[in-house]
Amino acid sequence: MKSHSRRRRGFTLIELLVVIAIIAVLIALLLPAVQQAREAARRSQCKNNLKQIGLALHNYESSTTVFPPSSISTFGQGVWGYPGTGPSDPAIRLHSFASLILPYADGANLYNTIDYNVSSLAPANRTAAAATISFYRCPSYSGLQYSDDPYYKTTVGYDKFAIRNYVALGGKTVVSLSGAIPAEGVLYPGSRTGFRDITDGSSNTIMIAETREEKAAVWIDGTSAAVAARYMTLVPPTYAGNSSSINYQPYFQGGVFPNSIGQKWGPSSQHVGGAHHLLCDGSVRFISENIDVVLYDGLTSRNGGEVVGEF
């Protein structure tokens, strides 16, 4: 008996190329959707970080009747002054709001390792300073983990000062944050602002903004823990730009003013089109980089009496 076997037909080269092309098209269509879903998740987590910070700020205010200052040292004091007359010199203690609210943000263990009687930059606090705190980092941020600015690496002599992605919106202009005129915001160097002082309304006043700054955004340090609604220009007397500082670079040019540190970014993010902001009522809003600058000024001010419209 003869046995007959059926030959199996394989793919031709053309058919294989067609299949590969179809798969490539499907992947090309799918990838943007996956990326968008991931970015939506990152934005949601960033928003939740700010809500956690807002709750901590509220609890701090409930306990002390005031919100924490952006820095416990006064205007004009910063990393450039280290080591001052010694680690306990009040001018360079510089502990930031991000450090002060730790007990109210599930960070009590880290808080208890920090010596607030000496500088935040002192050797006694460097183990804490190197800690990367998850709720101070936006998931979309892809910059440095530790500052490599010469002030930290050379003047202080430590290269593991960890970065944060949230910053106080302390005034309308860099001039008000210098102490030359009163700061208009809620958290600024040496501030003692409570809810009673926010007469513009807690739902119309910003406390905290995102930032993608890499070098001058050390979480434990109050040097640059407050930024302004307008970027810096070289035009006196206000030195203020004519648009908002959201995603504008360079936000602040170091070396123009004495005793200052350069910052590429102020309020900013690596989300597209704007940045998240925490308002004094605890709500979080994503604000466009194209917001009217006068409106942004009004949202920064705690007691300016501005009429704030939709944003």
Protein backbone atom coordinates (compact mmCIF):
# COMPACT_ATOMS: atom_id res chain seq x y z
CA MET A 1 0.00 0.00 0.00
CA LYS A 2 1.15 3.44 -0.81
CA SER A 3 1.01 6.11 1.86
CA HIS A 4 0.33 9.62 0.73
CA SER A 5 1.48 12.50 2.96
CA ARG A 6 0.05 15.99 2.58
CA ARG A 7 2.68 18.71 2.33
CA ARG A 8 2.07 21.62 4.72
CA ARG A 9 2.23 25.01 3.11
CA GLY A 10 4.38 27.61 4.94
CA PHE A 11 4.30 31.39 4.92
CA THR A 12 5.71 33.07 1.93
CA LEU A 13 8.12 35.92 2.45
CA ILE A 14 5.51 38.43 1.30
CA GLU A 15 2.93 37.08 3.74
CA LEU A 16 5.44 37.25 6.57
CA LEU A 17 6.31 40.84 5.74
CA VAL A 18 2.62 41.75 5.65
CA VAL A 19 2.09 40.21 9.10
CA ILE A 20 5.10 42.07 10.47
CA ALA A 21 3.83 45.30 8.96
CA ILE A 22 0.39 44.79 10.52
CA ILE A 23 1.96 44.10 13.93
CA ALA A 24 4.12 47.21 13.61
CA VAL A 25 1.07 49.33 12.82
CA LEU A 26 -0.81 47.91 15.81
CA ILE A 27 2.14 48.62 18.10
CA ALA A 28 2.41 52.16 16.71
CA LEU A 29 -1.27 52.69 17.46
CA LEU A 30 -1.05 51.11 20.90
CA LEU A 31 2.09 52.80 22.26
CA PRO A 32 0.68 56.34 22.46
CA ALA A 33 -2.36 55.02 24.30
CA VAL A 34 -0.12 53.16 26.76
CA GLN A 35 2.04 56.25 27.24
CA GLN A 36 -1.00 58.42 27.78
CA ALA A 37 -2.37 55.96 30.35
CA ARG A 38 0.96 55.93 32.17
CA GLU A 39 1.18 59.74 32.18
CA ALA A 40 -2.42 59.94 33.45
CA ALA A 41 -1.43 57.63 36.31
CA ARG A 42 1.66 59.73 37.04
CA ARG A 43 -0.38 62.93 37.06
CA SER A 44 -2.86 61.34 39.43
CA GLN A 45 -0.05 60.31 41.79
CA CYS A 46 1.46 63.80 41.61
CA LYS A 47 -1.91 65.26 42.52
CA ASN A 48 -2.19 62.85 45.45
CA ASN A 49 1.28 63.90 46.65
CA LEU A 50 0.12 67.50 46.80
CA LYS A 51 -3.06 66.51 48.63
CA GLN A 52 -0.91 64.73 51.23
CA ILE A 53 1.29 67.82 51.55
CA GLY A 54 -1.83 69.97 51.90
CA LEU A 55 -3.20 67.79 54.68
CA ALA A 56 0.15 67.98 56.48
CA LEU A 57 0.21 71.78 56.15
CA HIS A 58 -3.33 72.01 57.55
CA ASN A 59 -2.45 69.77 60.50
CA TYR A 60 0.68 71.82 61.16
CA GLU A 61 -1.41 75.00 61.18
CA SER A 62 -3.96 73.39 63.50
CA SER A 63 -1.18 72.54 65.96
CA THR A 64 0.76 75.81 65.81
CA THR A 65 -1.84 78.36 64.52
CA VAL A 66 0.52 79.23 61.64
CA PHE A 67 1.76 77.51 58.50
CA PRO A 68 5.46 76.68 58.42
CA PRO A 69 7.78 79.23 56.81
CA SER A 70 9.49 78.26 53.57
CA SER A 71 12.72 78.63 55.59
CA ILE A 72 13.20 79.14 59.32
CA SER A 73 15.98 81.60 58.48
CA THR A 74 15.12 85.10 57.32
CA PHE A 75 15.18 86.77 53.91
CA GLY A 76 18.52 86.77 52.11
CA GLN A 77 19.92 83.78 53.99
CA GLY A 78 20.92 80.65 52.11
CA VAL A 79 23.41 77.95 51.33
CA TRP A 80 25.95 80.58 50.20
CA GLY A 81 26.36 81.63 53.86
CA TYR A 82 27.38 78.19 55.11
CA PRO A 83 28.99 77.57 57.61
CA GLY A 84 28.42 81.08 59.01
CA THR A 85 29.69 81.43 62.55
CA GLY A 86 29.06 77.74 63.12
CA PRO A 87 26.38 75.08 62.54
CA SER A 88 23.98 76.67 65.06
CA ASP A 89 24.17 80.13 63.43
CA PRO A 90 20.48 81.13 62.95
CA ALA A 91 21.35 82.70 59.59
CA ILE A 92 22.16 79.33 58.08
CA ARG A 93 19.87 76.90 59.91
CA LEU A 94 17.63 77.06 56.83
CA HIS A 95 15.24 74.23 57.72
CA SER A 96 12.47 74.12 55.10
CA PHE A 97 8.71 73.74 55.24
CA ALA A 98 9.19 70.29 53.67
CA SER A 99 11.23 69.27 56.68
CA LEU A 100 8.98 70.89 59.30
CA ILE A 101 5.79 69.11 58.16
CA LEU A 102 7.27 65.60 58.16
CA PRO A 103 5.52 64.51 61.42
CA TYR A 104 2.19 65.37 59.79
CA ALA A 105 2.98 63.52 56.55
CA ASP A 106 3.89 60.05 57.80
CA GLY A 107 7.52 61.10 58.12
CA ALA A 108 7.92 61.21 61.91
CA ASN A 109 10.78 58.69 61.93
CA LEU A 110 12.83 60.81 59.54
CA TYR A 111 11.87 64.00 61.37
CA ASN A 112 13.20 62.55 64.62
CA THR A 113 16.65 62.09 63.09
CA ILE A 114 16.97 65.79 62.18
CA ASP A 115 18.72 68.22 64.54
CA TYR A 116 16.84 71.51 64.21
CA ASN A 117 19.29 73.30 66.51
CA VAL A 118 21.95 73.23 63.81
CA SER A 119 21.93 73.95 60.09
CA SER A 120 19.92 71.72 57.80
CA LEU A 121 23.19 71.45 55.85
CA ALA A 122 25.33 70.43 58.82
CA PRO A 123 26.99 66.98 58.97
CA ALA A 124 24.55 65.94 61.70
CA ASN A 125 21.68 66.19 59.19
CA ARG A 126 23.24 64.76 56.06
CA THR A 127 21.94 61.22 56.45
CA ALA A 128 18.43 62.64 56.57
CA ALA A 129 19.20 65.06 53.72
CA ALA A 130 20.12 62.15 51.46
CA ALA A 131 16.73 60.48 51.91
CA THR A 132 14.52 60.46 48.81
CA ILE A 133 10.97 61.07 50.03
CA SER A 134 8.36 59.55 47.72
CA PHE A 135 5.61 62.12 48.33
CA TYR A 136 8.04 64.95 47.54
CA ARG A 137 8.80 63.51 44.10
CA CYS A 138 6.57 63.75 41.04
CA PRO A 139 6.53 60.41 39.16
CA SER A 140 6.97 62.28 35.85
CA TYR A 141 10.18 63.97 37.04
CA SER A 142 13.26 62.60 35.25
CA GLY A 143 15.94 64.96 36.56
CA LEU A 144 18.70 64.61 39.12
CA GLN A 145 18.13 62.73 42.35
CA TYR A 146 20.74 64.80 44.19
CA SER A 147 21.76 68.42 43.58
CA ASP A 148 25.07 68.90 41.84
CA ASP A 149 25.12 72.68 42.30
CA PRO A 150 28.57 73.93 43.40
CA TYR A 151 27.09 75.59 46.47
CA TYR A 152 26.16 72.14 47.81
CA LYS A 153 29.02 70.09 46.38
CA THR A 154 31.81 72.59 47.04
CA THR A 155 30.73 75.27 49.55
CA VAL A 156 29.00 72.75 51.83
CA GLY A 157 31.00 69.76 50.62
CA TYR A 158 28.29 67.12 50.26
CA ASP A 159 26.89 65.58 47.08
CA LYS A 160 23.83 63.71 48.36
CA PHE A 161 21.31 66.47 49.06
CA ALA A 162 18.08 64.96 47.71
CA ILE A 163 15.71 66.89 45.46
CA ARG A 164 12.00 67.69 45.99
CA ASN A 165 9.45 68.55 43.28
CA TYR A 166 7.16 70.82 45.28
CA VAL A 167 7.86 74.43 46.27
CA ALA A 168 6.09 77.26 48.10
CA LEU A 169 4.67 80.05 45.95
CA GLY A 170 5.82 82.79 48.31
CA GLY A 171 5.43 86.04 46.41
CA LYS A 172 4.59 87.76 43.17
CA THR A 173 8.18 88.70 42.30
CA VAL A 174 11.73 87.82 43.32
CA VAL A 175 11.95 91.29 44.87
CA SER A 176 9.24 90.41 47.39
CA LEU A 177 11.07 87.18 48.20
CA SER A 178 14.26 89.15 48.81
CA GLY A 179 12.66 91.06 51.68
CA ALA A 180 12.94 94.42 49.91
CA ILE A 181 9.13 94.65 49.89
CA PRO A 182 6.60 92.52 51.80
CA ALA A 183 6.11 89.00 50.46
CA GLU A 184 2.56 88.51 49.23
CA GLY A 185 2.27 84.72 49.55
CA VAL A 186 1.56 82.31 52.40
CA LEU A 187 4.90 80.52 52.89
CA TYR A 188 8.11 82.57 52.61
CA PRO A 189 11.33 82.94 54.66
CA GLY A 190 10.48 83.51 58.31
CA SER A 191 6.72 83.68 57.64
CA ARG A 192 4.14 83.19 60.38
CA THR A 193 0.98 83.10 58.30
CA GLY A 194 -2.22 81.44 59.49
CA PHE A 195 -5.66 80.97 57.99
CA ARG A 196 -6.68 84.24 59.64
CA ASP A 197 -4.25 86.09 57.37
CA ILE A 198 -5.60 84.64 54.11
CA THR A 199 -8.30 87.22 53.60
CA ASP A 200 -8.49 86.62 49.85
CA GLY A 201 -10.03 83.22 50.62
CA SER A 202 -8.42 79.82 50.94
CA SER A 203 -9.91 78.63 47.64
CA ASN A 204 -8.40 81.63 45.82
CA THR A 205 -4.86 81.43 47.21
CA ILE A 206 -2.04 79.08 46.19
CA MET A 207 0.38 77.65 48.75
CA ILE A 208 2.46 75.11 46.84
CA ALA A 209 3.40 74.52 43.20
CA GLU A 210 5.20 71.77 41.37
CA THR A 211 8.76 72.36 40.25
CA ARG A 212 11.14 70.48 37.98
CA GLU A 213 14.16 72.40 39.29
CA GLU A 214 17.12 70.07 39.75
CA LYS A 215 19.84 72.04 41.52
CA ALA A 216 18.19 74.52 43.88
CA ALA A 217 15.36 72.26 45.08
CA VAL A 218 16.96 70.40 48.01
CA TRP A 219 14.06 69.28 50.19
CA ILE A 220 15.72 69.77 53.58
CA ASP A 221 17.07 73.24 52.73
CA GLY A 222 15.00 76.43 52.83
CA THR A 223 17.33 78.44 50.59
CA SER A 224 15.06 78.26 47.53
CA ALA A 225 11.98 76.66 49.06
CA ALA A 226 9.84 79.60 47.94
CA VAL A 227 9.51 80.90 44.39
CA ALA A 228 7.66 83.76 42.72
CA ALA A 229 4.72 84.03 40.33
CA ARG A 230 6.87 85.90 37.80
CA TYR A 231 10.30 84.96 36.51
CA MET A 232 13.22 87.32 36.98
CA THR A 233 14.35 89.88 34.43
CA LEU A 234 17.15 92.43 34.59
CA VAL A 235 14.74 95.38 34.50
CA PRO A 236 14.40 97.31 37.78
CA PRO A 237 12.61 98.06 40.00
CA THR A 238 10.40 94.95 39.91
CA TYR A 239 12.80 92.65 38.00
CA ALA A 240 9.62 90.82 36.99
CA GLY A 241 8.73 89.17 33.70
CA ASN A 242 5.55 90.00 31.80
CA SER A 243 4.17 86.46 31.90
CA SER A 244 3.85 83.81 34.59
CA SER A 245 6.86 81.81 35.70
CA ILE A 246 5.11 78.48 35.04
CA ASN A 247 7.46 76.43 32.83
CA TYR A 248 9.47 79.55 31.96
CA GLN A 249 13.24 79.22 31.85
CA PRO A 250 15.50 80.55 33.15
CA TYR A 251 13.31 81.41 36.12
CA PHE A 252 16.13 83.08 38.09
CA GLN A 253 19.59 84.03 36.90
CA GLY A 254 22.15 83.32 39.59
CA GLY A 255 24.96 85.78 40.04
CA VAL A 256 22.87 88.81 39.09
CA PHE A 257 22.00 89.48 42.72
CA PRO A 258 24.55 88.90 45.48
CA ASN A 259 23.87 86.00 47.81
CA SER A 260 21.68 84.01 45.46
CA ILE A 261 21.57 80.66 43.72
CA GLY A 262 20.63 80.18 40.07
CA GLN A 263 17.41 78.36 39.25
CA LYS A 264 16.46 77.18 35.79
CA TRP A 265 12.87 76.46 36.82
CA GLY A 266 10.37 77.98 39.22
CA PRO A 267 6.77 76.66 39.20
CA SER A 268 7.01 73.97 36.54
CA SER A 269 6.54 70.31 35.71
CA GLN A 270 7.29 67.61 33.19
CA HIS A 271 3.57 67.22 32.54
CA VAL A 272 2.50 68.87 29.31
CA GLY A 273 1.20 72.42 29.38
CA GLY A 274 1.40 73.50 33.01
CA ALA A 275 1.88 72.35 36.60
CA HIS A 276 -0.15 71.21 39.59
CA HIS A 277 -0.80 73.73 42.37
CA LEU A 278 -2.05 73.24 45.93
CA LEU A 279 -4.51 75.85 47.15
CA CYS A 280 -4.96 76.81 50.78
CA ASP A 281 -8.28 74.94 51.02
CA GLY A 282 -6.44 71.68 50.25
CA SER A 283 -7.65 71.37 46.67
CA VAL A 284 -5.23 70.73 43.80
CA ARG A 285 -5.54 72.39 40.41
CA PHE A 286 -3.54 71.92 37.22
CA ILE A 287 -2.79 75.46 36.05
CA SER A 288 -1.85 76.22 32.46
CA GLU A 289 1.48 77.81 31.66
CA ASN A 290 -0.55 80.27 29.58
CA ILE A 291 -2.53 81.62 32.54
CA ASP A 292 -2.97 85.40 32.58
CA VAL A 293 -0.12 86.73 34.69
CA VAL A 294 -2.30 89.19 36.61
CA LEU A 295 -4.62 86.34 37.54
CA TYR A 296 -1.64 84.25 38.66
CA ASP A 297 -0.41 87.20 40.75
CA GLY A 298 -3.83 87.35 42.40
CA LEU A 299 -3.80 83.63 43.17
CA THR A 300 -0.36 84.03 44.76
CA SER A 301 -1.46 86.89 47.03
CA ARG A 302 -3.01 86.04 50.40
CA ASN A 303 -4.54 89.44 51.16
CA GLY A 304 -4.38 91.62 48.05
CA GLY A 305 -8.13 91.89 47.57
CA GLU A 306 -7.90 90.84 43.91
CA VAL A 307 -11.00 89.60 42.12
CA VAL A 308 -10.08 86.12 40.93
CA GLY A 309 -11.99 84.71 37.97
CA GLU A 310 -11.95 81.26 36.41
CA PHE A 311 -8.62 79.48 36.13
